[in-house]
PDB file of N, CA and C in Angstrom:
ATOM      1  N   MET A   1     133.534  84.423 115.916  1.00  0.00           N
ATOM      2  CA  MET A   1     133.591  83.629 114.704  1.00  0.00           C
ATOM      3  C   MET A   1     134.941  82.927 114.583  1.00  0.00           C
ATOM      4  N   ALA A   2     135.990  83.596 115.066  1.00  0.00           N
ATOM      5  CA  ALA A   2     137.319  82.981 115.017  1.00  0.00           C
ATOM      6  C   ALA A   2     137.364  81.738 115.894  1.00  0.00           C
ATOM      7  N   ALA A   3     136.657  81.790 117.034  1.00  0.00           N
ATOM      8  CA  ALA A   3     136.637  80.635 117.938  1.00  0.00           C
ATOM      9  C   ALA A   3     135.928  79.454 117.277  1.00  0.00           C
ATOM     10  N   VAL A   4     134.877  79.727 116.521  1.00  0.00           N
ATOM     11  CA  VAL A   4     134.161  78.657 115.815  1.00  0.00           C
ATOM     12  C   VAL A   4     135.090  78.036 114.781  1.00  0.00           C
ATOM     13  N   LYS A   5     135.863  78.854 114.078  1.00  0.00           N
ATOM     14  CA  LYS A   5     136.801  78.339 113.077  1.00  0.00           C
ATOM     15  C   LYS A   5     137.864  77.442 113.719  1.00  0.00           C
ATOM     16  N   GLU A   6     138.334  77.818 114.909  1.00  0.00           N
ATOM     17  CA  GLU A   6     139.356  77.016 115.588  1.00  0.00           C
ATOM     18  C   GLU A   6     138.788  75.688 116.085  1.00  0.00           C
ATOM     19  N   LEU A   7     137.545  75.728 116.588  1.00  0.00           N
ATOM     20  CA  LEU A   7     136.945  74.540 117.183  1.00  0.00           C
ATOM     21  C   LEU A   7     136.334  73.598 116.133  1.00  0.00           C
ATOM     22  N   ALA A   8     135.951  74.117 114.986  1.00  0.00           N
ATOM     23  CA  ALA A   8     135.239  73.348 113.967  1.00  0.00           C
ATOM     24  C   ALA A   8     136.000  72.114 113.469  1.00  0.00           C
ATOM     25  N   PRO A   9     137.310  72.162 113.211  1.00  0.00           N
ATOM     26  CA  PRO A   9     137.982  70.945 112.721  1.00  0.00           C
ATOM     27  C   PRO A   9     137.922  69.772 113.705  1.00  0.00           C
ATOM     28  N   ASP A  10     137.820  70.068 115.002  1.00  0.00           N
ATOM     29  CA  ASP A  10     137.801  68.999 116.006  1.00  0.00           C
ATOM     30  C   ASP A  10     136.399  68.439 116.249  1.00  0.00           C
ATOM     31  N   VAL A  11     135.375  69.324 116.325  1.00  0.00           N
ATOM     32  CA  VAL A  11     134.035  68.856 116.693  1.00  0.00           C
ATOM     33  C   VAL A  11     132.992  69.065 115.605  1.00  0.00           C
ATOM     34  N   GLY A  12     133.323  69.797 114.586  1.00  0.00           N
ATOM     35  CA  GLY A  12     132.373  70.095 113.521  1.00  0.00           C
ATOM     36  C   GLY A  12     131.746  71.477 113.712  1.00  0.00           C
ATOM     37  N   ILE A  13     131.289  72.038 112.622  1.00  0.00           N
ATOM     38  CA  ILE A  13     130.746  73.399 112.660  1.00  0.00           C
ATOM     39  C   ILE A  13     129.457  73.451 113.481  1.00  0.00           C
ATOM     40  N   HIS A  14     128.606  72.473 113.302  1.00  0.00           N
ATOM     41  CA  HIS A  14     127.331  72.452 114.023  1.00  0.00           C
ATOM     42  C   HIS A  14     127.567  72.457 115.533  1.00  0.00           C
ATOM     43  N   ALA A  15     128.389  71.570 116.014  1.00  0.00           N
ATOM     44  CA  ALA A  15     128.667  71.476 117.456  1.00  0.00           C
ATOM     45  C   ALA A  15     129.408  72.715 117.953  1.00  0.00           C
ATOM     46  N   ALA A  16     130.344  73.243 117.158  1.00  0.00           N
ATOM     47  CA  ALA A  16     131.096  74.423 117.575  1.00  0.00           C
ATOM     48  C   ALA A  16     130.169  75.628 117.708  1.00  0.00           C
ATOM     49  N   CYS A  17     129.272  75.788 116.779  1.00  0.00           N
ATOM     50  CA  CYS A  17     128.329  76.914 116.843  1.00  0.00           C
ATOM     51  C   CYS A  17     127.395  76.763 118.037  1.00  0.00           C
ATOM     52  N   ASP A  18     126.908  75.540 118.287  1.00  0.00           N
ATOM     53  CA  ASP A  18     126.036  75.316 119.434  1.00  0.00           C
ATOM     54  C   ASP A  18     126.767  75.601 120.745  1.00  0.00           C
ATOM     55  N   ALA A  19     128.008  75.147 120.853  1.00  0.00           N
ATOM     56  CA  ALA A  19     128.769  75.329 122.092  1.00  0.00           C
ATOM     57  C   ALA A  19     129.077  76.799 122.356  1.00  0.00           C
ATOM     58  N   LEU A  20     129.292  77.570 121.329  1.00  0.00           N
ATOM     59  CA  LEU A  20     129.658  78.981 121.496  1.00  0.00           C
ATOM     60  C   LEU A  20     128.474  79.932 121.306  1.00  0.00           C
ATOM     61  N   CYS A  21     127.255  79.372 121.159  1.00  0.00           N
ATOM     62  CA  CYS A  21     126.029  80.170 120.979  1.00  0.00           C
ATOM     63  C   CYS A  21     126.138  81.121 119.792  1.00  0.00           C
ATOM     64  N   VAL A  22     126.638  80.584 118.694  1.00  0.00           N
ATOM     65  CA  VAL A  22     126.736  81.353 117.463  1.00  0.00           C
ATOM     66  C   VAL A  22     125.718  80.785 116.481  1.00  0.00           C
ATOM     67  N   VAL A  23     124.982  81.652 115.845  1.00  0.00           N
ATOM     68  CA  VAL A  23     123.999  81.205 114.862  1.00  0.00           C
ATOM     69  C   VAL A  23     124.761  80.740 113.621  1.00  0.00           C
ATOM     70  N   ARG A  24     124.460  79.504 113.182  1.00  0.00           N
ATOM     71  CA  ARG A  24     125.194  78.941 112.049  1.00  0.00           C
ATOM     72  C   ARG A  24     125.032  79.749 110.772  1.00  0.00           C
ATOM     73  N   SER A  25     123.845  80.280 110.539  1.00  0.00           N
ATOM     74  CA  SER A  25     123.644  81.061 109.318  1.00  0.00           C
ATOM     75  C   SER A  25     124.546  82.294 109.306  1.00  0.00           C
ATOM     76  N   SER A  26     124.747  82.909 110.471  1.00  0.00           N
ATOM     77  CA  SER A  26     125.652  84.068 110.544  1.00  0.00           C
ATOM     78  C   SER A  26     127.092  83.646 110.279  1.00  0.00           C
ATOM     79  N   PHE A  27     127.463  82.478 110.796  1.00  0.00           N
ATOM     80  CA  PHE A  27     128.820  81.970 110.572  1.00  0.00           C
ATOM     81  C   PHE A  27     129.067  81.733 109.080  1.00  0.00           C
ATOM     82  N   TYR A  28     128.110  81.045 108.429  1.00  0.00           N
ATOM     83  CA  TYR A  28     128.273  80.756 107.001  1.00  0.00           C
ATOM     84  C   TYR A  28     128.223  82.029 106.156  1.00  0.00           C
ATOM     85  N   ARG A  29     127.355  82.963 106.547  1.00  0.00           N
ATOM     86  CA  ARG A  29     127.242  84.224 105.802  1.00  0.00           C
ATOM     87  C   ARG A  29     128.556  84.997 105.853  1.00  0.00           C
ATOM     88  N   GLN A  30     129.226  84.946 106.996  1.00  0.00           N
ATOM     89  CA  GLN A  30     130.496  85.657 107.116  1.00  0.00           C
ATOM     90  C   GLN A  30     131.598  84.971 106.297  1.00  0.00           C
ATOM     91  N   GLN A  31     131.479  83.676 106.102  1.00  0.00           N
ATOM     92  CA  GLN A  31     132.471  82.956 105.312  1.00  0.00           C
ATOM     93  C   GLN A  31     132.392  83.321 103.831  1.00  0.00           C
ATOM     94  N   HIS A  32     131.183  83.580 103.353  1.00  0.00           N
ATOM     95  CA  HIS A  32     130.959  83.909 101.946  1.00  0.00           C
ATOM     96  C   HIS A  32     130.138  85.190 101.850  1.00  0.00           C
ATOM     97  N   PRO A  33     130.762  86.346 101.964  1.00  0.00           N
ATOM     98  CA  PRO A  33     129.995  87.596 101.893  1.00  0.00           C
ATOM     99  C   PRO A  33     129.309  87.757 100.531  1.00  0.00           C
ATOM    100  N   ALA A  34     128.205  88.468 100.545  1.00  0.00           N
ATOM    101  CA  ALA A  34     127.432  88.681  99.325  1.00  0.00           C
ATOM    102  C   ALA A  34     128.237  89.500  98.320  1.00  0.00           C
ATOM    103  N   PRO A  35     128.175  89.144  97.053  1.00  0.00           N
ATOM    104  CA  PRO A  35     128.900  89.921  96.042  1.00  0.00           C
ATOM    105  C   PRO A  35     128.280  91.315  95.887  1.00  0.00           C
ATOM    106  N   VAL A  36     129.110  92.263  95.540  1.00  0.00           N
ATOM    107  CA  VAL A  36     128.645  93.629  95.335  1.00  0.00           C
ATOM    108  C   VAL A  36     127.998  93.712  93.955  1.00  0.00           C
ATOM    109  N   ALA A  37     126.768  94.187  93.933  1.00  0.00           N
ATOM    110  CA  ALA A  37     126.036  94.286  92.665  1.00  0.00           C
ATOM    111  C   ALA A  37     126.550  95.472  91.853  1.00  0.00           C
ATOM    112  N   GLU A  38     126.670  95.267  90.561  1.00  0.00           N
ATOM    113  CA  GLU A  38     127.096  96.350  89.679  1.00  0.00           C
ATOM    114  C   GLU A  38     125.920  97.283  89.440  1.00  0.00           C
ATOM    115  N   PRO A  39     126.190  98.576  89.249  1.00  0.00           N
ATOM    116  CA  PRO A  39     125.084  99.490  88.969  1.00  0.00           C
ATOM    117  C   PRO A  39     124.417  99.155  87.643  1.00  0.00           C
ATOM    118  N   ARG A  40     123.103  99.357  87.614  1.00  0.00           N
ATOM    119  CA  ARG A  40     122.349  99.043  86.404  1.00  0.00           C
ATOM    120  C   ARG A  40     122.671 100.054  85.313  1.00  0.00           C
ATOM    121  N   PRO A  41     122.717  99.615  84.064  1.00  0.00           N
ATOM    122  CA  PRO A  41     122.965 100.556  82.972  1.00  0.00           C
ATOM    123  C   PRO A  41     121.750 101.458  82.755  1.00  0.00           C
ATOM    124  N   ARG A  42     121.995 102.624  82.208  1.00  0.00           N
ATOM    125  CA  ARG A  42     120.907 103.566  81.923  1.00  0.00           C
ATOM    126  C   ARG A  42     120.073 103.007  80.768  1.00  0.00           C
ATOM    127  N   PRO A  43     118.744 102.939  80.922  1.00  0.00           N
ATOM    128  CA  PRO A  43     117.892 102.414  79.856  1.00  0.00           C
ATOM    129  C   PRO A  43     117.989 103.262  78.591  1.00  0.00           C
ATOM    130  N   ALA A  44     117.852 102.630  77.456  1.00  0.00           N
ATOM    131  CA  ALA A  44     117.958 103.334  76.180  1.00  0.00           C
ATOM    132  C   ALA A  44     116.843 104.357  76.006  1.00  0.00           C
ATOM    133  N   ARG A  45     115.670 104.088  76.583  1.00  0.00           N
ATOM    134  CA  ARG A  45     114.531 104.992  76.422  1.00  0.00           C
ATOM    135  C   ARG A  45     114.436 106.037  77.529  1.00  0.00           C
ATOM    136  N   ALA A  46     115.438 106.136  78.381  1.00  0.00           N
ATOM    137  CA  ALA A  46     115.389 107.093  79.492  1.00  0.00           C
ATOM    138  C   ALA A  46     115.381 108.524  78.958  1.00  0.00           C
ATOM    139  N   LEU A  47     114.721 109.398  79.710  1.00  0.00           N
ATOM    140  CA  LEU A  47     114.673 110.805  79.325  1.00  0.00           C
ATOM    141  C   LEU A  47     116.041 111.453  79.496  1.00  0.00           C
ATOM    142  N   SER A  48     116.382 112.358  78.581  1.00  0.00           N
ATOM    143  CA  SER A  48     117.607 113.131  78.752  1.00  0.00           C
ATOM    144  C   SER A  48     117.358 114.155  79.856  1.00  0.00           C
ATOM    145  N   ALA A  49     118.392 114.805  80.323  1.00  0.00           N
ATOM    146  CA  ALA A  49     118.254 115.782  81.403  1.00  0.00           C
ATOM    147  C   ALA A  49     117.331 116.925  80.984  1.00  0.00           C
ATOM    148  N   ALA A  50     117.442 117.391  79.746  1.00  0.00           N
ATOM    149  CA  ALA A  50     116.602 118.497  79.276  1.00  0.00           C
ATOM    150  C   ALA A  50     115.136 118.063  79.172  1.00  0.00           C
ATOM    151  N   GLU A  51     114.888 116.856  78.647  1.00  0.00           N
ATOM    152  CA  GLU A  51     113.526 116.356  78.535  1.00  0.00           C
ATOM    153  C   GLU A  51     112.901 116.168  79.917  1.00  0.00           C
ATOM    154  N   ARG A  52     113.689 115.634  80.811  1.00  0.00           N
ATOM    155  CA  ARG A  52     113.230 115.411  82.181  1.00  0.00           C
ATOM    156  C   ARG A  52     112.850 116.730  82.845  1.00  0.00           C
ATOM    157  N   GLU A  53     113.664 117.732  82.675  1.00  0.00           N
ATOM    158  CA  GLU A  53     113.408 119.049  83.259  1.00  0.00           C
ATOM    159  C   GLU A  53     112.128 119.662  82.682  1.00  0.00           C
ATOM    160  N   THR A  54     111.904 119.499  81.373  1.00  0.00           N
ATOM    161  CA  THR A  54     110.696 120.013  80.732  1.00  0.00           C
ATOM    162  C   THR A  54     109.449 119.345  81.304  1.00  0.00           C
ATOM    163  N   VAL A  55     109.480 118.037  81.427  1.00  0.00           N
ATOM    164  CA  VAL A  55     108.332 117.299  81.957  1.00  0.00           C
ATOM    165  C   VAL A  55     108.075 117.692  83.407  1.00  0.00           C
ATOM    166  N   LEU A  56     109.123 117.785  84.209  1.00  0.00           N
ATOM    167  CA  LEU A  56     108.948 118.164  85.610  1.00  0.00           C
ATOM    168  C   LEU A  56     108.395 119.577  85.743  1.00  0.00           C
ATOM    169  N   THR A  57     108.793 120.471  84.860  1.00  0.00           N
ATOM    170  CA  THR A  57     108.263 121.834  84.890  1.00  0.00           C
ATOM    171  C   THR A  57     106.750 121.810  84.672  1.00  0.00           C
ATOM    172  N   HIS A  58     106.299 121.008  83.711  1.00  0.00           N
ATOM    173  CA  HIS A  58     104.852 120.882  83.478  1.00  0.00           C
ATOM    174  C   HIS A  58     104.152 120.250  84.683  1.00  0.00           C
ATOM    175  N   LEU A  59     104.714 119.181  85.217  1.00  0.00           N
ATOM    176  CA  LEU A  59     104.073 118.476  86.330  1.00  0.00           C
ATOM    177  C   LEU A  59     103.983 119.335  87.582  1.00  0.00           C
ATOM    178  N   HIS A  60     104.926 120.238  87.782  1.00  0.00           N
ATOM    179  CA  HIS A  60     104.950 121.044  89.004  1.00  0.00           C
ATOM    180  C   HIS A  60     104.177 122.350  88.881  1.00  0.00           C
ATOM    181  N   GLU A  61     103.524 122.580  87.745  1.00  0.00           N
ATOM    182  CA  GLU A  61     102.689 123.773  87.626  1.00  0.00           C
ATOM    183  C   GLU A  61     101.561 123.689  88.651  1.00  0.00           C
ATOM    184  N   GLU A  62     101.174 124.843  89.180  1.00  0.00           N
ATOM    185  CA  GLU A  62     100.163 124.856  90.241  1.00  0.00           C
ATOM    186  C   GLU A  62      98.823 124.275  89.783  1.00  0.00           C
ATOM    187  N   ARG A  63      98.457 124.467  88.554  1.00  0.00           N
ATOM    188  CA  ARG A  63      97.164 123.954  88.088  1.00  0.00           C
ATOM    189  C   ARG A  63      97.119 122.435  88.040  1.00  0.00           C
ATOM    190  N   PHE A  64      98.279 121.790  88.065  1.00  0.00           N
ATOM    191  CA  PHE A  64      98.328 120.327  88.032  1.00  0.00           C
ATOM    192  C   PHE A  64      98.685 119.730  89.391  1.00  0.00           C
ATOM    193  N   GLN A  65      98.600 120.513  90.431  1.00  0.00           N
ATOM    194  CA  GLN A  65      99.071 120.087  91.749  1.00  0.00           C
ATOM    195  C   GLN A  65      98.414 118.797  92.234  1.00  0.00           C
ATOM    196  N   ASP A  66      97.107 118.666  92.043  1.00  0.00           N
ATOM    197  CA  ASP A  66      96.390 117.495  92.552  1.00  0.00           C
ATOM    198  C   ASP A  66      95.959 116.539  91.453  1.00  0.00           C
ATOM    199  N   ARG A  67      96.716 116.473  90.383  1.00  0.00           N
ATOM    200  CA  ARG A  67      96.336 115.628  89.259  1.00  0.00           C
ATOM    201  C   ARG A  67      97.403 114.574  89.007  1.00  0.00           C
ATOM    202  N   SER A  68      96.969 113.465  88.475  1.00  0.00           N
ATOM    203  CA  SER A  68      97.901 112.385  88.154  1.00  0.00           C
ATOM    204  C   SER A  68      98.683 112.749  86.894  1.00  0.00           C
ATOM    205  N   PRO A  69      99.860 112.116  86.684  1.00  0.00           N
ATOM    206  CA  PRO A  69     100.613 112.382  85.460  1.00  0.00           C
ATOM    207  C   PRO A  69      99.807 112.099  84.197  1.00  0.00           C
ATOM    208  N   ALA A  70      98.947 111.079  84.216  1.00  0.00           N
ATOM    209  CA  ALA A  70      98.131 110.772  83.032  1.00  0.00           C
ATOM    210  C   ALA A  70      97.139 111.898  82.757  1.00  0.00           C
ATOM    211  N   ALA A  71      96.546 112.463  83.811  1.00  0.00           N
ATOM    212  CA  ALA A  71      95.606 113.573  83.636  1.00  0.00           C
ATOM    213  C   ALA A  71      96.332 114.818  83.140  1.00  0.00           C
ATOM    214  N   VAL A  72      97.542 115.045  83.623  1.00  0.00           N
ATOM    215  CA  VAL A  72      98.345 116.180  83.164  1.00  0.00           C
ATOM    216  C   VAL A  72      98.642 116.020  81.679  1.00  0.00           C
ATOM    217  N   GLN A  73      99.029 114.819  81.288  1.00  0.00           N
ATOM    218  CA  GLN A  73      99.346 114.569  79.882  1.00  0.00           C
ATOM    219  C   GLN A  73      98.131 114.815  78.993  1.00  0.00           C
ATOM    220  N   ALA A  74      96.956 114.353  79.426  1.00  0.00           N
ATOM    221  CA  ALA A  74      95.746 114.543  78.626  1.00  0.00           C
ATOM    222  C   ALA A  74      95.440 116.028  78.453  1.00  0.00           C
ATOM    223  N   THR A  75      95.579 116.791  79.523  1.00  0.00           N
ATOM    224  CA  THR A  75      95.315 118.232  79.444  1.00  0.00           C
ATOM    225  C   THR A  75      96.306 118.912  78.508  1.00  0.00           C
ATOM    226  N   LEU A  76      97.569 118.556  78.638  1.00  0.00           N
ATOM    227  CA  LEU A  76      98.590 119.176  77.789  1.00  0.00           C
ATOM    228  C   LEU A  76      98.389 118.804  76.319  1.00  0.00           C
ATOM    229  N   LEU A  77      97.997 117.582  76.049  1.00  0.00           N
ATOM    230  CA  LEU A  77      97.742 117.172  74.660  1.00  0.00           C
ATOM    231  C   LEU A  77      96.574 117.959  74.078  1.00  0.00           C
ATOM    232  N   ASP A  78      95.535 118.208  74.904  1.00  0.00           N
ATOM    233  CA  ASP A  78      94.402 119.017  74.437  1.00  0.00           C
ATOM    234  C   ASP A  78      94.833 120.437  74.106  1.00  0.00           C
ATOM    235  N   GLU A  79      95.864 120.930  74.816  1.00  0.00           N
ATOM    236  CA  GLU A  79      96.367 122.288  74.590  1.00  0.00           C
ATOM    237  C   GLU A  79      97.397 122.350  73.469  1.00  0.00           C
ATOM    238  N   GLY A  80      97.748 121.211  72.894  1.00  0.00           N
ATOM    239  CA  GLY A  80      98.718 121.181  71.807  1.00  0.00           C
ATOM    240  C   GLY A  80     100.162 121.083  72.266  1.00  0.00           C
ATOM    241  N   VAL A  81     100.378 120.798  73.545  1.00  0.00           N
ATOM    242  CA  VAL A  81     101.732 120.603  74.079  1.00  0.00           C
ATOM    243  C   VAL A  81     101.967 119.099  74.146  1.00  0.00           C
ATOM    244  N   TYR A  82     103.105 118.643  73.631  1.00  0.00           N
ATOM    245  CA  TYR A  82     103.376 117.211  73.569  1.00  0.00           C
ATOM    246  C   TYR A  82     104.565 116.848  74.454  1.00  0.00           C
ATOM    247  N   PRO A  83     104.324 116.674  75.762  1.00  0.00           N
ATOM    248  CA  PRO A  83     105.423 116.300  76.654  1.00  0.00           C
ATOM    249  C   PRO A  83     105.782 114.828  76.477  1.00  0.00           C
ATOM    250  N   LEU A  84     106.962 114.484  76.875  1.00  0.00           N
ATOM    251  CA  LEU A  84     107.410 113.089  76.798  1.00  0.00           C
ATOM    252  C   LEU A  84     107.033 112.388  78.097  1.00  0.00           C
ATOM    253  N   LEU A  85     105.759 112.219  78.296  1.00  0.00           N
ATOM    254  CA  LEU A  85     105.283 111.648  79.544  1.00  0.00           C
ATOM    255  C   LEU A  85     104.421 110.439  79.225  1.00  0.00           C
ATOM    256  N   ASP A  86     104.911 109.260  79.593  1.00  0.00           N
ATOM    257  CA  ASP A  86     104.120 108.052  79.432  1.00  0.00           C
ATOM    258  C   ASP A  86     104.410 107.141  80.606  1.00  0.00           C
ATOM    259  N   SER A  87     103.786 105.988  80.629  1.00  0.00           N
ATOM    260  CA  SER A  87     103.918 105.098  81.782  1.00  0.00           C
ATOM    261  C   SER A  87     105.343 104.602  81.980  1.00  0.00           C
ATOM    262  N   ASP A  88     106.163 104.624  80.932  1.00  0.00           N
ATOM    263  CA  ASP A  88     107.555 104.187  81.089  1.00  0.00           C
ATOM    264  C   ASP A  88     108.368 105.188  81.892  1.00  0.00           C
ATOM    265  N   HIS A  89     107.985 106.464  81.849  1.00  0.00           N
ATOM    266  CA  HIS A  89     108.789 107.489  82.484  1.00  0.00           C
ATOM    267  C   HIS A  89     108.274 107.955  83.834  1.00  0.00           C
ATOM    268  N   VAL A  90     107.048 107.622  84.186  1.00  0.00           N
ATOM    269  CA  VAL A  90     106.480 108.098  85.441  1.00  0.00           C
ATOM    270  C   VAL A  90     107.278 107.602  86.656  1.00  0.00           C
ATOM    271  N   PRO A  91     107.678 106.321  86.758  1.00  0.00           N
ATOM    272  CA  PRO A  91     108.477 105.920  87.913  1.00  0.00           C
ATOM    273  C   PRO A  91     109.796 106.679  87.994  1.00  0.00           C
ATOM    274  N   ASP A  92     110.409 106.976  86.863  1.00  0.00           N
ATOM    275  CA  ASP A  92     111.660 107.719  86.847  1.00  0.00           C
ATOM    276  C   ASP A  92     111.449 109.124  87.397  1.00  0.00           C
ATOM    277  N   LEU A  93     110.312 109.727  87.085  1.00  0.00           N
ATOM    278  CA  LEU A  93     110.026 111.077  87.571  1.00  0.00           C
ATOM    279  C   LEU A  93     109.718 111.067  89.058  1.00  0.00           C
ATOM    280  N   GLY A  94     109.257 109.945  89.582  1.00  0.00           N
ATOM    281  CA  GLY A  94     108.970 109.860  91.008  1.00  0.00           C
ATOM    282  C   GLY A  94     110.204 110.078  91.862  1.00  0.00           C
ATOM    283  N   ARG A  95     111.362 109.759  91.329  1.00  0.00           N
ATOM    284  CA  ARG A  95     112.599 109.974  92.067  1.00  0.00           C
ATOM    285  C   ARG A  95     112.977 111.440  92.162  1.00  0.00           C
ATOM    286  N   ALA A  96     112.289 112.281  91.415  1.00  0.00           N
ATOM    287  CA  ALA A  96     112.601 113.705  91.417  1.00  0.00           C
ATOM    288  C   ALA A  96     111.831 114.451  92.498  1.00  0.00           C
ATOM    289  N   GLY A  97     111.227 113.738  93.445  1.00  0.00           N
ATOM    290  CA  GLY A  97     110.541 114.386  94.536  1.00  0.00           C
ATOM    291  C   GLY A  97     109.042 114.504  94.345  1.00  0.00           C
ATOM    292  N   ARG A  98     108.507 114.003  93.258  1.00  0.00           N
ATOM    293  CA  ARG A  98     107.062 114.055  93.040  1.00  0.00           C
ATOM    294  C   ARG A  98     106.437 112.883  93.757  1.00  0.00           C
ATOM    295  N   ASN A  99     105.391 113.139  94.501  1.00  0.00           N
ATOM    296  CA  ASN A  99     104.709 112.090  95.240  1.00  0.00           C
ATOM    297  C   ASN A  99     103.809 111.324  94.295  1.00  0.00           C
ATOM    298  N   THR A 100     104.125 110.067  94.017  1.00  0.00           N
ATOM    299  CA  THR A 100     103.329 109.260  93.088  1.00  0.00           C
ATOM    300  C   THR A 100     102.460 108.256  93.817  1.00  0.00           C
ATOM    301  N   ARG A 101     102.401 108.329  95.145  1.00  0.00           N
ATOM    302  CA  ARG A 101     101.605 107.391  95.927  1.00  0.00           C
ATOM    303  C   ARG A 101     100.128 107.662  95.696  1.00  0.00           C
ATOM    304  N   THR A 102      99.348 106.618  95.543  1.00  0.00           N
ATOM    305  CA  THR A 102      97.918 106.761  95.353  1.00  0.00           C
ATOM    306  C   THR A 102      97.188 106.104  96.504  1.00  0.00           C
ATOM    307  N   PRO A 103      95.998 106.576  96.826  1.00  0.00           N
ATOM    308  CA  PRO A 103      95.235 105.959  97.907  1.00  0.00           C
ATOM    309  C   PRO A 103      94.945 104.496  97.602  1.00  0.00           C
ATOM    310  N   GLY A 104      94.941 103.692  98.640  1.00  0.00           N
ATOM    311  CA  GLY A 104      94.635 102.280  98.481  1.00  0.00           C
ATOM    312  C   GLY A 104      95.849 101.423  98.188  1.00  0.00           C
ATOM    313  N   THR A 105      97.047 102.008  98.119  1.00  0.00           N
ATOM    314  CA  THR A 105      98.238 101.204  97.893  1.00  0.00           C
ATOM    315  C   THR A 105      98.802 100.745  99.225  1.00  0.00           C
ATOM    316  N   ALA A 106      99.768  99.875  99.173  1.00  0.00           N
ATOM    317  CA  ALA A 106     100.290  99.248 100.386  1.00  0.00           C
ATOM    318  C   ALA A 106     100.870 100.245 101.381  1.00  0.00           C
ATOM    319  N   ASP A 107     101.444 101.355 100.929  1.00  0.00           N
ATOM    320  CA  ASP A 107     102.064 102.285 101.861  1.00  0.00           C
ATOM    321  C   ASP A 107     101.121 103.416 102.282  1.00  0.00           C
ATOM    322  N   SER A 108      99.831 103.337 101.923  1.00  0.00           N
ATOM    323  CA  SER A 108      98.867 104.327 102.375  1.00  0.00           C
ATOM    324  C   SER A 108      98.513 104.048 103.829  1.00  0.00           C
ATOM    325  N   PRO A 109      98.163 105.090 104.590  1.00  0.00           N
ATOM    326  CA  PRO A 109      97.813 104.845 105.992  1.00  0.00           C
ATOM    327  C   PRO A 109      96.558 103.991 106.100  1.00  0.00           C
ATOM    328  N   ARG A 110      96.555 103.121 107.044  1.00  0.00           N
ATOM    329  CA  ARG A 110      95.412 102.231 107.263  1.00  0.00           C
ATOM    330  C   ARG A 110      94.402 102.918 108.177  1.00  0.00           C
ATOM    331  N   LEU A 111      93.134 102.689 107.941  1.00  0.00           N
ATOM    332  CA  LEU A 111      92.106 103.180 108.831  1.00  0.00           C
ATOM    333  C   LEU A 111      91.970 102.205 109.986  1.00  0.00           C
ATOM    334  N   SER A 112      91.730 102.728 111.178  1.00  0.00           N
ATOM    335  CA  SER A 112      91.592 101.835 112.318  1.00  0.00           C
ATOM    336  C   SER A 112      90.227 101.160 112.258  1.00  0.00           C
ATOM    337  N   LYS A 113      90.191  99.921 112.643  1.00  0.00           N
ATOM    338  CA  LYS A 113      88.949  99.164 112.622  1.00  0.00           C
ATOM    339  C   LYS A 113      88.243  99.338 113.966  1.00  0.00           C
ATOM    340  N   THR A 114      86.940  99.414 113.928  1.00  0.00           N
ATOM    341  CA  THR A 114      86.154  99.502 115.148  1.00  0.00           C
ATOM    342  C   THR A 114      86.005  98.104 115.706  1.00  0.00           C
ATOM    343  N   ARG A 115      86.315  97.981 116.981  1.00  0.00           N
ATOM    344  CA  ARG A 115      86.180  96.676 117.641  1.00  0.00           C
ATOM    345  C   ARG A 115      84.869  96.649 118.397  1.00  0.00           C
ATOM    346  N   VAL A 116      84.147  95.570 118.262  1.00  0.00           N
ATOM    347  CA  VAL A 116      82.882  95.412 118.993  1.00  0.00           C
ATOM    348  C   VAL A 116      83.132  94.437 120.127  1.00  0.00           C
ATOM    349  N   THR A 117      82.836  94.912 121.332  1.00  0.00           N
ATOM    350  CA  THR A 117      82.994  94.064 122.509  1.00  0.00           C
ATOM    351  C   THR A 117      81.649  93.977 123.219  1.00  0.00           C
ATOM    352  N   GLY A 118      81.624  93.336 124.348  1.00  0.00           N
ATOM    353  CA  GLY A 118      80.379  93.186 125.123  1.00  0.00           C
ATOM    354  C   GLY A 118      79.825  94.513 125.597  1.00  0.00           C
ATOM    355  N   GLU A 119      80.706  95.514 125.864  1.00  0.00           N
ATOM    356  CA  GLU A 119      80.231  96.796 126.368  1.00  0.00           C
ATOM    357  C   GLU A 119      79.841  97.738 125.246  1.00  0.00           C
ATOM    358  N   GLY A 120      80.183  97.454 124.018  1.00  0.00           N
ATOM    359  CA  GLY A 120      79.872  98.331 122.903  1.00  0.00           C
ATOM    360  C   GLY A 120      81.110  98.566 122.052  1.00  0.00           C
ATOM    361  N   ALA A 121      80.984  99.463 121.110  1.00  0.00           N
ATOM    362  CA  ALA A 121      82.108  99.746 120.188  1.00  0.00           C
ATOM    363  C   ALA A 121      83.200 100.524 120.896  1.00  0.00           C
ATOM    364  N   GLN A 122      84.454 100.244 120.530  1.00  0.00           N
ATOM    365  CA  GLN A 122      85.606 100.959 121.100  1.00  0.00           C
ATOM    366  C   GLN A 122      86.394 101.603 120.002  1.00  0.00           C
TER     367      GLN A 122
END
């Protein structure tokens, strides 16, 4: 990159990059590095540590092992327990190690397709 900087005033950046086999986008990117993003502020409606722990305790009970957070909430409400579990908090709880992936989403494993050829299915 230093060689491109030295040669650029005489022949131009385009020609200097071509002569030295340097990708121009990489040269320009190095000239202006991306700014460091500031961390996002904590949302006002975020669960406190104690509330989060209570909800996770309910979600990790063995009887709720194969149930969605919405189904867990419905069961708990029927039992008279009122956890702080709604759609705003489910993504936040996913970071606590709970698998929130559902079948049919983009990161689910794909089924292999059967190919039909002249000799038959493969």
